[in-house]
């Protein structure tokens, strides 16, 4: 298998929503981080070859990440995330 890097956006948004005690939409994240919602959608579907680091930094900051490892997961075997999480838009 090929090594992969995946973004944990779904999990981080769920954690942020739980901490706030309310639902958080993709539009809210996009507006709060200053990125286009279509960019987040491509990231969450892992349909990108490159990610702009400044955009990733803004999303990580908005989601309250303390370390880039909270948002990115590397898997040498291509099985980084084993569960799929669905979030309402």
Foldseek 3Di string as FASTA:
>chain_A
DAKDKAFPVQVLQVVLCVVVVHHDDLVNLCVQLVHDSVVVVCRNVVNDDDDDPSSLVSSCVSSPHPDVCNTMFIDRVHCRDDDDDDGDD
